[in-house]
Amino acid sequence: MYIFIKAKPGCKFNHVAKAADGTITVKIKTPATDGKANTELLRFIAEKLDLPRSKIRIVSGLTSSFKKIEIDSEEKEVKRKLGLL
């Protein structure tokens, strides 16, 4: 399945939030330098979903705040674990 997110690096803590318009924002503590925020983003999502890191990858948006993430898991389970239902 795919999810579209807006990543916000350099925040005080890691957090997933869904806005009223349906936008999924993932706040990451790590600053956006040398791809470290992308690495932390994938690690954080994998931890929240209780999946191996290898099951999650960024499909597009490596240098953008808007990203398309591919997750090798069922959509309903992903949404439930991320608190998006």
C-alpha atoms as a PDB file:
ATOM      1  CA  MET A   1       0.000   0.000   0.000  1.00  0.00           C
ATOM      2  CA  TYR A   2       1.024   3.616  -0.425  1.00  0.00           C
ATOM      3  CA  ILE A   3       0.602   6.574   1.895  1.00  0.00           C
ATOM      4  CA  PHE A   4       1.289  10.213   1.132  1.00  0.00           C
ATOM      5  CA  ILE A   5       2.777  12.240   3.953  1.00  0.00           C
ATOM      6  CA  LYS A   6       4.209  15.627   4.731  1.00  0.00           C
ATOM      7  CA  ALA A   7       7.452  15.249   6.673  1.00  0.00           C
ATOM      8  CA  LYS A   8       8.525  17.936   9.138  1.00  0.00           C
ATOM      9  CA  PRO A   9      12.140  17.384  10.242  1.00  0.00           C
ATOM     10  CA  GLY A  10      13.798  19.152  13.170  1.00  0.00           C
ATOM     11  CA  CYS A  11      10.823  18.915  15.552  1.00  0.00           C
ATOM     12  CA  LYS A  12      10.961  18.366  19.313  1.00  0.00           C
ATOM     13  CA  PHE A  13       9.658  14.797  19.099  1.00  0.00           C
ATOM     14  CA  ASN A  14       8.550  12.139  16.588  1.00  0.00           C
ATOM     15  CA  HIS A  15       4.796  12.177  16.018  1.00  0.00           C
ATOM     16  CA  VAL A  16       2.133  11.237  13.442  1.00  0.00           C
ATOM     17  CA  ALA A  17      -0.871  13.532  13.014  1.00  0.00           C
ATOM     18  CA  LYS A  18      -3.811  13.710  10.622  1.00  0.00           C
ATOM     19  CA  ALA A  19      -5.229  17.134   9.749  1.00  0.00           C
ATOM     20  CA  ALA A  20      -8.923  17.798   9.185  1.00  0.00           C
ATOM     21  CA  ASP A  21      -8.306  17.888   5.424  1.00  0.00           C
ATOM     22  CA  GLY A  22      -6.859  14.356   5.558  1.00  0.00           C
ATOM     23  CA  THR A  23      -3.197  15.329   5.253  1.00  0.00           C
ATOM     24  CA  ILE A  24      -0.871  13.024   7.202  1.00  0.00           C
ATOM     25  CA  THR A  25       2.036  14.856   8.829  1.00  0.00           C
ATOM     26  CA  VAL A  26       4.964  13.015  10.365  1.00  0.00           C
ATOM     27  CA  LYS A  27       7.141  15.116  12.638  1.00  0.00           C
ATOM     28  CA  ILE A  28      10.723  13.900  13.012  1.00  0.00           C
ATOM     29  CA  LYS A  29      13.339  15.034  15.553  1.00  0.00           C
ATOM     30  CA  THR A  30      16.262  14.596  13.176  1.00  0.00           C
ATOM     31  CA  PRO A  31      17.206  17.617  11.016  1.00  0.00           C
ATOM     32  CA  ALA A  32      17.048  17.322   7.223  1.00  0.00           C
ATOM     33  CA  THR A  33      20.768  16.988   6.511  1.00  0.00           C
ATOM     34  CA  ASP A  34      22.482  14.298   4.443  1.00  0.00           C
ATOM     35  CA  GLY A  35      19.327  12.161   4.286  1.00  0.00           C
ATOM     36  CA  LYS A  36      19.274  11.606   8.048  1.00  0.00           C
ATOM     37  CA  ALA A  37      15.657  12.756   8.368  1.00  0.00           C
ATOM     38  CA  ASN A  38      14.537  10.255   5.701  1.00  0.00           C
ATOM     39  CA  THR A  39      16.345   7.451   7.528  1.00  0.00           C
ATOM     40  CA  GLU A  40      14.740   8.445  10.835  1.00  0.00           C
ATOM     41  CA  LEU A  41      11.337   8.803   9.153  1.00  0.00           C
ATOM     42  CA  LEU A  42      11.451   5.236   7.824  1.00  0.00           C
ATOM     43  CA  ARG A  43      12.758   3.905  11.146  1.00  0.00           C
ATOM     44  CA  PHE A  44       9.993   5.696  13.059  1.00  0.00           C
ATOM     45  CA  ILE A  45       7.226   4.461  10.744  1.00  0.00           C
ATOM     46  CA  ALA A  46       8.594   0.904  10.895  1.00  0.00           C
ATOM     47  CA  GLU A  47       8.627   1.101  14.703  1.00  0.00           C
ATOM     48  CA  LYS A  48       5.046   2.436  14.850  1.00  0.00           C
ATOM     49  CA  LEU A  49       3.854  -0.332  12.513  1.00  0.00           C
ATOM     50  CA  ASP A  50       5.915  -3.045  14.201  1.00  0.00           C
ATOM     51  CA  LEU A  51       7.406  -3.997  10.823  1.00  0.00           C
ATOM     52  CA  PRO A  52      10.977  -4.605   9.709  1.00  0.00           C
ATOM     53  CA  ARG A  53      12.556  -1.500   8.151  1.00  0.00           C
ATOM     54  CA  SER A  54      12.934  -3.454   4.882  1.00  0.00           C
ATOM     55  CA  LYS A  55       9.115  -3.440   4.440  1.00  0.00           C
ATOM     56  CA  ILE A  56       8.994   0.374   4.090  1.00  0.00           C
ATOM     57  CA  ARG A  57      10.546   2.636   1.449  1.00  0.00           C
ATOM     58  CA  ILE A  58      10.257   6.133   0.045  1.00  0.00           C
ATOM     59  CA  VAL A  59       8.972   5.906  -3.535  1.00  0.00           C
ATOM     60  CA  SER A  60       9.116   9.623  -4.326  1.00  0.00           C
ATOM     61  CA  GLY A  61       9.995  12.853  -2.562  1.00  0.00           C
ATOM     62  CA  LEU A  62      13.469  12.071  -1.226  1.00  0.00           C
ATOM     63  CA  THR A  63      14.381  15.781  -1.187  1.00  0.00           C
ATOM     64  CA  SER A  64      10.858  17.123  -0.682  1.00  0.00           C
ATOM     65  CA  SER A  65       8.725  17.435   2.414  1.00  0.00           C
ATOM     66  CA  PHE A  66       5.896  15.671   0.531  1.00  0.00           C
ATOM     67  CA  LYS A  67       6.646  11.962   0.229  1.00  0.00           C
ATOM     68  CA  LYS A  68       5.044   8.836  -1.173  1.00  0.00           C
ATOM     69  CA  ILE A  69       5.785   5.882   1.103  1.00  0.00           C
ATOM     70  CA  GLU A  70       5.335   2.236   0.106  1.00  0.00           C
ATOM     71  CA  ILE A  71       4.489  -0.106   2.981  1.00  0.00           C
ATOM     72  CA  ASP A  72       4.376  -3.859   2.556  1.00  0.00           C
ATOM     73  CA  SER A  73       1.374  -4.419   4.843  1.00  0.00           C
ATOM     74  CA  GLU A  74      -2.427  -4.312   4.774  1.00  0.00           C
ATOM     75  CA  GLU A  75      -3.976  -0.847   4.517  1.00  0.00           C
ATOM     76  CA  LYS A  76      -6.399  -1.280   7.400  1.00  0.00           C
ATOM     77  CA  GLU A  77      -3.641  -2.446   9.740  1.00  0.00           C
ATOM     78  CA  VAL A  78      -1.349   0.444   8.743  1.00  0.00           C
ATOM     79  CA  LYS A  79      -4.065   3.044   9.325  1.00  0.00           C
ATOM     80  CA  ARG A  80      -4.995   1.508  12.666  1.00  0.00           C
ATOM     81  CA  LYS A  81      -1.429   1.420  13.963  1.00  0.00           C
ATOM     82  CA  LEU A  82      -0.709   4.971  12.799  1.00  0.00           C
ATOM     83  CA  GLY A  83      -3.933   6.192  14.418  1.00  0.00           C
ATOM     84  CA  LEU A  84      -5.453   7.328  11.138  1.00  0.00           C
ATOM     85  CA  LEU A  85      -8.829   5.574  11.393  1.00  0.00           C
END
